[in-house]
Amino acid sequence: MQRKLLLIEDDHFMAEMILDVLKDNFAELELGPIATTLSEAEDRLAEFQPDVVISDINLQDEVVFTLFQKFENIPFKIIFITSHSKYAVQAFRFSALDFLEKPFEDEALISAVNKAIEHVDVEQYNAQLRTFFHNFNPGEKKKKLVLKNLESIHIVDIADIRFIKSDSNYSEFHIDDGRKILVSKSLKLYDEQLRGFSFFRSHQSYLVNLQFAKTFHKQDSVLELDSGDHIAVSGAKVNALLHNLSELS
C-alpha cells in the first residue's frame, strides 16, 4: 500500500536533506510538494491528503501548531522537528510523541518514518496530540503525562501521581484516584522527566511526589504519605529528603 508524505519546512537545505533520505530509503512513499509557510501547508494538507507529515515547529516566525489545532481529529501521523528547545522536548516526551531534534542523523529520520507508517489507533494518537498541545502552552501550569501499555493509553495530571514504584524494567504508577498503571519503562526515565515537579527519588525502587508527604519516620527510614502509603527511603537519601521537605513548607 502506497502512502503519501508531506514535508513542511522553510529551510531549503534541511528540506533537500530530508527529501534525499526519503527518496533513498522509502521508494514506496509518494512525496508531495514542500510547504514553506502556514498558508501553503494548509493548502497542501487539503489537496494532497497525506498519511504522514514531517513538520518543523517554526515557519517564518509562525508556530505550526496553530494549523494542526484547527483539526477536530488529525487523520495523519506527524513527525515534528524542533531546534534545541528544552521546553518543546519536555512536552514531546510527556506526550509520548516522536520528534526529531536538530541536528539529527539520517538513521533517526528513517526510524521515525518507519514508526509513522505503522498502523496506529487514531483516537489514541489524537489524545496524545491534544496532550502535547496542552503541555506546550506556556501558560498551562498543570502538565499531563501520557502512559501507554498494551491495554490502553492513560493521560494523567502529573500533580495527581502519588508515587512510582520500580518493578524490574517496569514502572507502576500510583494515582491519587486509586488507579495503578503499569508501563514498560524504567523508573530512571521518569526520574529524569519529572525533575522540577516535586518528585524525589527516595530509593532505588521509589520515585515519590513530595506534595503528598505526611510524616517521615526517622527510626524506620520510611516516608508516610497522606494516603497511608509507606515509601522506603535509603540511608544515603535521608538528608536530601529532609532538605526537600523543608523547601516545601
C-alpha atoms as a PDB file:
ATOM      1  CA  MET A   1       0.000   0.000   0.000  1.00  0.00           C
ATOM      2  CA  GLN A   2       1.479   3.317  -1.103  1.00  0.00           C
ATOM      3  CA  ARG A   3       1.472   6.078   1.486  1.00  0.00           C
ATOM      4  CA  LYS A   4       1.753   9.816   0.963  1.00  0.00           C
ATOM      5  CA  LEU A   5       4.136  12.081   2.861  1.00  0.00           C
ATOM      6  CA  LEU A   6       4.100  15.870   3.064  1.00  0.00           C
ATOM      7  CA  LEU A   7       7.081  17.930   4.217  1.00  0.00           C
ATOM      8  CA  ILE A   8       6.510  21.298   5.915  1.00  0.00           C
ATOM      9  CA  GLU A   9       9.876  23.058   6.184  1.00  0.00           C
ATOM     10  CA  ASP A  10      11.063  26.590   5.326  1.00  0.00           C
ATOM     11  CA  ASP A  11      14.784  25.802   5.497  1.00  0.00           C
ATOM     12  CA  HIS A  12      15.748  24.880   1.909  1.00  0.00           C
ATOM     13  CA  PHE A  13      18.919  22.986   2.881  1.00  0.00           C
ATOM     14  CA  MET A  14      17.096  20.962   5.574  1.00  0.00           C
ATOM     15  CA  ALA A  15      14.217  20.198   3.204  1.00  0.00           C
ATOM     16  CA  GLU A  16      16.556  18.891   0.489  1.00  0.00           C
ATOM     17  CA  MET A  17      18.442  16.736   3.002  1.00  0.00           C
ATOM     18  CA  ILE A  18      15.198  15.191   4.264  1.00  0.00           C
ATOM     19  CA  LEU A  19      13.895  14.528   0.753  1.00  0.00           C
ATOM     20  CA  ASP A  20      17.172  12.873  -0.295  1.00  0.00           C
ATOM     21  CA  VAL A  21      16.962  10.482   2.673  1.00  0.00           C
ATOM     22  CA  LEU A  22      13.321   9.702   1.955  1.00  0.00           C
ATOM     23  CA  LYS A  23      13.941   9.032  -1.756  1.00  0.00           C
ATOM     24  CA  ASP A  24      16.874   6.739  -0.965  1.00  0.00           C
ATOM     25  CA  ASN A  25      15.049   4.703   1.683  1.00  0.00           C
ATOM     26  CA  PHE A  26      11.304   4.836   1.017  1.00  0.00           C
ATOM     27  CA  ALA A  27      10.582   4.136  -2.636  1.00  0.00           C
ATOM     28  CA  GLU A  28       7.009   3.270  -1.678  1.00  0.00           C
ATOM     29  CA  LEU A  29       6.301   6.775  -0.378  1.00  0.00           C
ATOM     30  CA  GLU A  30       4.633   9.365  -2.610  1.00  0.00           C
ATOM     31  CA  LEU A  31       6.171  12.728  -1.742  1.00  0.00           C
ATOM     32  CA  GLY A  32       4.043  15.841  -2.010  1.00  0.00           C
ATOM     33  CA  PRO A  33       5.191  19.389  -2.817  1.00  0.00           C
ATOM     34  CA  ILE A  34       7.049  21.071   0.047  1.00  0.00           C
ATOM     35  CA  ALA A  35       5.158  23.668   2.078  1.00  0.00           C
ATOM     36  CA  THR A  36       7.225  26.567   3.416  1.00  0.00           C
ATOM     37  CA  THR A  37       4.506  28.724   5.037  1.00  0.00           C
ATOM     38  CA  LEU A  38       1.426  28.047   7.142  1.00  0.00           C
ATOM     39  CA  SER A  39      -0.907  29.052   4.315  1.00  0.00           C
ATOM     40  CA  GLU A  40       0.911  26.733   1.888  1.00  0.00           C
ATOM     41  CA  ALA A  41       0.807  23.937   4.447  1.00  0.00           C
ATOM     42  CA  GLU A  42      -2.933  24.344   4.906  1.00  0.00           C
ATOM     43  CA  ASP A  43      -3.491  24.169   1.149  1.00  0.00           C
ATOM     44  CA  ARG A  44      -1.173  21.167   0.706  1.00  0.00           C
ATOM     45  CA  LEU A  45      -2.870  19.246   3.511  1.00  0.00           C
ATOM     46  CA  ALA A  46      -6.273  19.741   1.885  1.00  0.00           C
ATOM     47  CA  GLU A  47      -5.105  18.952  -1.644  1.00  0.00           C
ATOM     48  CA  PHE A  48      -2.578  16.178  -1.059  1.00  0.00           C
ATOM     49  CA  GLN A  49      -4.241  14.489   1.965  1.00  0.00           C
ATOM     50  CA  PRO A  50      -1.057  12.870   3.313  1.00  0.00           C
ATOM     51  CA  ASP A  51      -0.746   9.841   5.563  1.00  0.00           C
ATOM     52  CA  VAL A  52       2.416  11.220   7.198  1.00  0.00           C
ATOM     53  CA  VAL A  53       3.588  14.801   7.750  1.00  0.00           C
ATOM     54  CA  ILE A  54       7.097  15.903   8.662  1.00  0.00           C
ATOM     55  CA  SER A  55       6.879  19.413  10.022  1.00  0.00           C
ATOM     56  CA  ASP A  56       9.206  21.957  11.551  1.00  0.00           C
ATOM     57  CA  ILE A  57       7.665  23.681  14.570  1.00  0.00           C
ATOM     58  CA  ASN A  58       8.519  27.205  13.432  1.00  0.00           C
ATOM     59  CA  LEU A  59       7.788  28.512   9.941  1.00  0.00           C
ATOM     60  CA  GLN A  60       8.952  32.065   9.254  1.00  0.00           C
ATOM     61  CA  ASP A  61       8.221  33.194  12.815  1.00  0.00           C
ATOM     62  CA  GLU A  62       4.880  31.348  12.919  1.00  0.00           C
ATOM     63  CA  VAL A  63       4.162  28.279  15.043  1.00  0.00           C
ATOM     64  CA  VAL A  64       2.788  25.336  13.069  1.00  0.00           C
ATOM     65  CA  PHE A  65       0.589  24.128  15.947  1.00  0.00           C
ATOM     66  CA  THR A  66      -1.993  26.805  15.131  1.00  0.00           C
ATOM     67  CA  LEU A  67      -2.618  24.941  11.875  1.00  0.00           C
ATOM     68  CA  PHE A  68      -2.899  21.459  13.354  1.00  0.00           C
ATOM     69  CA  GLN A  69      -5.172  22.654  16.140  1.00  0.00           C
ATOM     70  CA  LYS A  70      -7.799  23.549  13.534  1.00  0.00           C
ATOM     71  CA  PHE A  71      -8.454  19.820  13.050  1.00  0.00           C
ATOM     72  CA  GLU A  72     -11.038  18.194  15.284  1.00  0.00           C
ATOM     73  CA  ASN A  73      -9.269  14.898  14.635  1.00  0.00           C
ATOM     74  CA  ILE A  74      -5.967  14.706  12.773  1.00  0.00           C
ATOM     75  CA  PRO A  75      -6.055  11.843  10.209  1.00  0.00           C
ATOM     76  CA  PHE A  76      -2.282  11.718   9.601  1.00  0.00           C
ATOM     77  CA  LYS A  77       0.814  11.000  11.665  1.00  0.00           C
ATOM     78  CA  ILE A  78       3.120  13.945  12.377  1.00  0.00           C
ATOM     79  CA  ILE A  79       6.869  13.862  12.902  1.00  0.00           C
ATOM     80  CA  PHE A  80       7.792  17.218  14.426  1.00  0.00           C
ATOM     81  CA  ILE A  81      11.198  18.864  14.013  1.00  0.00           C
ATOM     82  CA  THR A  82      12.465  21.142  16.761  1.00  0.00           C
ATOM     83  CA  SER A  83      15.631  23.184  17.322  1.00  0.00           C
ATOM     84  CA  HIS A  84      17.168  22.960  20.789  1.00  0.00           C
ATOM     85  CA  SER A  85      14.011  23.851  22.673  1.00  0.00           C
ATOM     86  CA  LYS A  86      14.135  22.279  26.123  1.00  0.00           C
ATOM     87  CA  TYR A  87      10.506  23.248  26.689  1.00  0.00           C
ATOM     88  CA  ALA A  88       9.345  21.593  23.432  1.00  0.00           C
ATOM     89  CA  VAL A  89      11.382  18.446  24.099  1.00  0.00           C
ATOM     90  CA  GLN A  90       9.794  18.110  27.553  1.00  0.00           C
ATOM     91  CA  ALA A  91       6.312  18.487  26.064  1.00  0.00           C
ATOM     92  CA  PHE A  92       7.041  15.840  23.414  1.00  0.00           C
ATOM     93  CA  ARG A  93       8.350  13.363  25.961  1.00  0.00           C
ATOM     94  CA  PHE A  94       5.450  13.903  28.359  1.00  0.00           C
ATOM     95  CA  SER A  95       3.086  13.226  25.448  1.00  0.00           C
ATOM     96  CA  ALA A  96       4.996  10.154  24.166  1.00  0.00           C
ATOM     97  CA  LEU A  97       5.214  11.645  20.664  1.00  0.00           C
ATOM     98  CA  ASP A  98       8.007  11.130  18.155  1.00  0.00           C
ATOM     99  CA  PHE A  99      10.103  14.151  17.272  1.00  0.00           C
ATOM    100  CA  LEU A 100      13.438  14.990  15.684  1.00  0.00           C
ATOM    101  CA  GLU A 101      15.765  17.463  17.369  1.00  0.00           C
ATOM    102  CA  LYS A 102      18.131  19.346  15.041  1.00  0.00           C
ATOM    103  CA  PRO A 103      20.720  18.332  14.082  1.00  0.00           C
ATOM    104  CA  PHE A 104      19.643  14.727  13.575  1.00  0.00           C
ATOM    105  CA  GLU A 105      21.201  11.745  11.838  1.00  0.00           C
ATOM    106  CA  ASP A 106      19.718  10.042   8.774  1.00  0.00           C
ATOM    107  CA  GLU A 107      19.049   6.936  10.865  1.00  0.00           C
ATOM    108  CA  ALA A 108      16.863   8.924  13.277  1.00  0.00           C
ATOM    109  CA  LEU A 109      14.742  10.209  10.391  1.00  0.00           C
ATOM    110  CA  ILE A 110      14.439   6.727   8.870  1.00  0.00           C
ATOM    111  CA  SER A 111      13.393   5.257  12.219  1.00  0.00           C
ATOM    112  CA  ALA A 112      10.793   7.988  12.800  1.00  0.00           C
ATOM    113  CA  VAL A 113       9.263   7.493   9.348  1.00  0.00           C
ATOM    114  CA  ASN A 114       9.146   3.712   9.778  1.00  0.00           C
ATOM    115  CA  LYS A 115       7.231   4.153  13.029  1.00  0.00           C
ATOM    116  CA  ALA A 116       4.937   6.743  11.460  1.00  0.00           C
ATOM    117  CA  ILE A 117       3.819   4.475   8.621  1.00  0.00           C
ATOM    118  CA  GLU A 118       2.838   1.707  11.032  1.00  0.00           C
ATOM    119  CA  HIS A 119      -0.835   1.303  11.871  1.00  0.00           C
ATOM    120  CA  VAL A 120      -1.924   3.377  14.848  1.00  0.00           C
ATOM    121  CA  ASP A 121      -5.093   3.877  16.822  1.00  0.00           C
ATOM    122  CA  VAL A 122      -6.255   7.283  15.522  1.00  0.00           C
ATOM    123  CA  GLU A 123      -8.244   8.079  18.662  1.00  0.00           C
ATOM    124  CA  GLN A 124      -5.295   7.361  20.939  1.00  0.00           C
ATOM    125  CA  TYR A 125      -2.917   9.280  18.683  1.00  0.00           C
ATOM    126  CA  ASN A 126      -5.145  12.348  18.763  1.00  0.00           C
ATOM    127  CA  ALA A 127      -5.316  12.085  22.549  1.00  0.00           C
ATOM    128  CA  GLN A 128      -1.517  12.242  22.597  1.00  0.00           C
ATOM    129  CA  LEU A 129      -1.527  15.256  20.293  1.00  0.00           C
ATOM    130  CA  ARG A 130      -4.062  17.080  22.467  1.00  0.00           C
ATOM    131  CA  THR A 131      -1.887  16.344  25.490  1.00  0.00           C
ATOM    132  CA  PHE A 132       1.118  17.741  23.667  1.00  0.00           C
ATOM    133  CA  PHE A 133      -0.676  20.978  22.741  1.00  0.00           C
ATOM    134  CA  HIS A 134      -1.790  21.256  26.387  1.00  0.00           C
ATOM    135  CA  ASN A 135       1.749  20.759  27.710  1.00  0.00           C
ATOM    136  CA  PHE A 136       3.333  23.083  25.172  1.00  0.00           C
ATOM    137  CA  ASN A 137       1.159  26.001  26.275  1.00  0.00           C
ATOM    138  CA  PRO A 138       3.498  28.191  28.394  1.00  0.00           C
ATOM    139  CA  GLY A 139       0.561  29.455  30.454  1.00  0.00           C
ATOM    140  CA  GLU A 140      -0.563  25.965  31.429  1.00  0.00           C
ATOM    141  CA  LYS A 141       0.830  25.079  34.843  1.00  0.00           C
ATOM    142  CA  LYS A 142      -0.840  21.661  35.222  1.00  0.00           C
ATOM    143  CA  LYS A 143       1.159  19.396  32.961  1.00  0.00           C
ATOM    144  CA  LYS A 144      -0.048  15.976  31.834  1.00  0.00           C
ATOM    145  CA  LEU A 145       1.789  12.702  31.195  1.00  0.00           C
ATOM    146  CA  VAL A 146       0.869  10.032  28.651  1.00  0.00           C
ATOM    147  CA  LEU A 147       1.285   6.459  29.919  1.00  0.00           C
ATOM    148  CA  LYS A 148       0.994   3.690  27.325  1.00  0.00           C
ATOM    149  CA  ASN A 149       0.762  -0.046  27.821  1.00  0.00           C
ATOM    150  CA  LEU A 150      -0.633  -2.988  25.863  1.00  0.00           C
ATOM    151  CA  GLU A 151      -4.155  -2.472  27.165  1.00  0.00           C
ATOM    152  CA  SER A 152      -4.669   1.258  26.689  1.00  0.00           C
ATOM    153  CA  ILE A 153      -3.357   4.787  26.853  1.00  0.00           C
ATOM    154  CA  HIS A 154      -3.694   6.789  30.058  1.00  0.00           C
ATOM    155  CA  ILE A 155      -3.402  10.552  30.355  1.00  0.00           C
ATOM    156  CA  VAL A 156      -2.770  11.674  33.910  1.00  0.00           C
ATOM    157  CA  ASP A 157      -2.128  15.003  35.598  1.00  0.00           C
ATOM    158  CA  ILE A 158       1.447  14.978  36.871  1.00  0.00           C
ATOM    159  CA  ALA A 159       0.250  16.575  40.114  1.00  0.00           C
ATOM    160  CA  ASP A 160      -2.036  13.545  40.710  1.00  0.00           C
ATOM    161  CA  ILE A 161       0.797  10.982  40.670  1.00  0.00           C
ATOM    162  CA  ARG A 162       1.451   9.986  44.291  1.00  0.00           C
ATOM    163  CA  PHE A 163       4.461   7.776  43.650  1.00  0.00           C
ATOM    164  CA  ILE A 164       6.023   5.451  41.110  1.00  0.00           C
ATOM    165  CA  LYS A 165       7.358   2.049  42.087  1.00  0.00           C
ATOM    166  CA  SER A 166      10.003   0.205  40.109  1.00  0.00           C
ATOM    167  CA  ASP A 167       9.275  -3.398  39.133  1.00  0.00           C
ATOM    168  CA  SER A 168      12.311  -4.647  37.201  1.00  0.00           C
ATOM    169  CA  ASN A 169      12.112  -2.851  33.829  1.00  0.00           C
ATOM    170  CA  TYR A 170       8.549  -1.734  34.536  1.00  0.00           C
ATOM    171  CA  SER A 171       7.195   1.252  36.457  1.00  0.00           C
ATOM    172  CA  GLU A 172       3.953   1.128  38.439  1.00  0.00           C
ATOM    173  CA  PHE A 173       2.204   4.482  38.797  1.00  0.00           C
ATOM    174  CA  HIS A 174       0.011   5.069  41.847  1.00  0.00           C
ATOM    175  CA  ILE A 175      -2.519   7.794  41.051  1.00  0.00           C
ATOM    176  CA  ASP A 176      -4.449   9.933  43.536  1.00  0.00           C
ATOM    177  CA  ASP A 177      -7.792   8.483  42.351  1.00  0.00           C
ATOM    178  CA  GLY A 178      -6.679   4.970  43.305  1.00  0.00           C
ATOM    179  CA  ARG A 179      -5.580   3.752  39.887  1.00  0.00           C
ATOM    180  CA  LYS A 180      -2.407   1.718  39.408  1.00  0.00           C
ATOM    181  CA  ILE A 181      -0.910   1.879  35.929  1.00  0.00           C
ATOM    182  CA  LEU A 182       1.946  -0.396  34.876  1.00  0.00           C
ATOM    183  CA  VAL A 183       4.131   0.658  31.942  1.00  0.00           C
ATOM    184  CA  SER A 184       7.175  -0.996  30.416  1.00  0.00           C
ATOM    185  CA  LYS A 185       9.634   1.837  31.023  1.00  0.00           C
ATOM    186  CA  SER A 186      12.285   2.224  33.681  1.00  0.00           C
ATOM    187  CA  LEU A 187      11.973   4.355  36.801  1.00  0.00           C
ATOM    188  CA  LYS A 188      15.182   6.120  35.781  1.00  0.00           C
ATOM    189  CA  LEU A 189      13.436   7.562  32.727  1.00  0.00           C
ATOM    190  CA  TYR A 190      10.641   9.067  34.836  1.00  0.00           C
ATOM    191  CA  ASP A 191      13.125  10.297  37.432  1.00  0.00           C
ATOM    192  CA  GLU A 192      14.738  12.347  34.662  1.00  0.00           C
ATOM    193  CA  GLN A 193      11.441  13.528  33.164  1.00  0.00           C
ATOM    194  CA  LEU A 194       9.790  14.604  36.398  1.00  0.00           C
ATOM    195  CA  ARG A 195      12.618  16.630  37.922  1.00  0.00           C
ATOM    196  CA  GLY A 196      11.272  20.020  38.852  1.00  0.00           C
ATOM    197  CA  PHE A 197       7.810  18.654  39.651  1.00  0.00           C
ATOM    198  CA  SER A 198       8.225  17.902  43.395  1.00  0.00           C
ATOM    199  CA  PHE A 199       9.298  14.314  42.733  1.00  0.00           C
ATOM    200  CA  PHE A 200      12.092  12.758  44.781  1.00  0.00           C
ATOM    201  CA  ARG A 201      13.990   9.505  44.197  1.00  0.00           C
ATOM    202  CA  SER A 202      13.865   8.239  47.776  1.00  0.00           C
ATOM    203  CA  HIS A 203      15.080   4.746  46.987  1.00  0.00           C
ATOM    204  CA  GLN A 204      16.201   2.614  44.060  1.00  0.00           C
ATOM    205  CA  SER A 205      12.608   1.383  43.832  1.00  0.00           C
ATOM    206  CA  TYR A 206      10.636   4.578  44.515  1.00  0.00           C
ATOM    207  CA  LEU A 207      10.014   7.994  42.992  1.00  0.00           C
ATOM    208  CA  VAL A 208       7.648   9.921  45.238  1.00  0.00           C
ATOM    209  CA  ASN A 209       5.669  13.137  44.860  1.00  0.00           C
ATOM    210  CA  LEU A 210       6.546  15.089  47.997  1.00  0.00           C
ATOM    211  CA  GLN A 211       3.332  17.099  47.747  1.00  0.00           C
ATOM    212  CA  PHE A 212       1.631  14.018  49.244  1.00  0.00           C
ATOM    213  CA  ALA A 213       4.180  13.576  52.084  1.00  0.00           C
ATOM    214  CA  LYS A 214       2.726  13.448  55.598  1.00  0.00           C
ATOM    215  CA  THR A 215       5.356  12.135  58.025  1.00  0.00           C
ATOM    216  CA  PHE A 216       8.944  10.966  57.817  1.00  0.00           C
ATOM    217  CA  HIS A 217       9.615   8.210  60.339  1.00  0.00           C
ATOM    218  CA  LYS A 218      13.341   8.554  61.016  1.00  0.00           C
ATOM    219  CA  GLN A 219      13.692   5.347  63.022  1.00  0.00           C
ATOM    220  CA  ASP A 220      12.329   3.191  60.208  1.00  0.00           C
ATOM    221  CA  SER A 221      13.531   5.480  57.400  1.00  0.00           C
ATOM    222  CA  VAL A 222      10.049   5.473  55.901  1.00  0.00           C
ATOM    223  CA  LEU A 223       8.101   8.338  54.351  1.00  0.00           C
ATOM    224  CA  GLU A 224       4.379   8.138  55.076  1.00  0.00           C
ATOM    225  CA  LEU A 225       2.021   9.732  52.576  1.00  0.00           C
ATOM    226  CA  ASP A 226      -1.365  11.252  53.376  1.00  0.00           C
ATOM    227  CA  SER A 227      -2.928   8.182  51.733  1.00  0.00           C
ATOM    228  CA  GLY A 228      -1.277   5.898  54.301  1.00  0.00           C
ATOM    229  CA  ASP A 229       1.248   4.534  51.805  1.00  0.00           C
ATOM    230  CA  HIS A 230       4.738   3.933  53.196  1.00  0.00           C
ATOM    231  CA  ILE A 231       7.693   4.734  50.938  1.00  0.00           C
ATOM    232  CA  ALA A 232      11.165   3.388  51.679  1.00  0.00           C
ATOM    233  CA  VAL A 233      13.973   5.947  51.991  1.00  0.00           C
ATOM    234  CA  SER A 234      17.563   4.782  51.608  1.00  0.00           C
ATOM    235  CA  GLY A 235      20.088   5.974  54.193  1.00  0.00           C
ATOM    236  CA  ALA A 236      22.009   7.964  51.618  1.00  0.00           C
ATOM    237  CA  LYS A 237      18.866   9.904  50.684  1.00  0.00           C
ATOM    238  CA  VAL A 238      17.702  10.972  54.160  1.00  0.00           C
ATOM    239  CA  ASN A 239      19.461  14.343  54.315  1.00  0.00           C
ATOM    240  CA  ALA A 240      18.366  15.273  50.784  1.00  0.00           C
ATOM    241  CA  LEU A 241      14.801  14.278  51.645  1.00  0.00           C
ATOM    242  CA  LEU A 242      14.749  16.418  54.779  1.00  0.00           C
ATOM    243  CA  HIS A 243      16.101  19.345  52.820  1.00  0.00           C
ATOM    244  CA  ASN A 244      13.463  18.941  50.083  1.00  0.00           C
ATOM    245  CA  LEU A 245      10.668  18.624  52.644  1.00  0.00           C
ATOM    246  CA  SER A 246      11.820  21.835  54.344  1.00  0.00           C
ATOM    247  CA  GLU A 247      11.716  23.592  50.971  1.00  0.00           C
ATOM    248  CA  LEU A 248       8.029  22.657  50.590  1.00  0.00           C
ATOM    249  CA  SER A 249       6.949  24.342  53.829  1.00  0.00           C
END
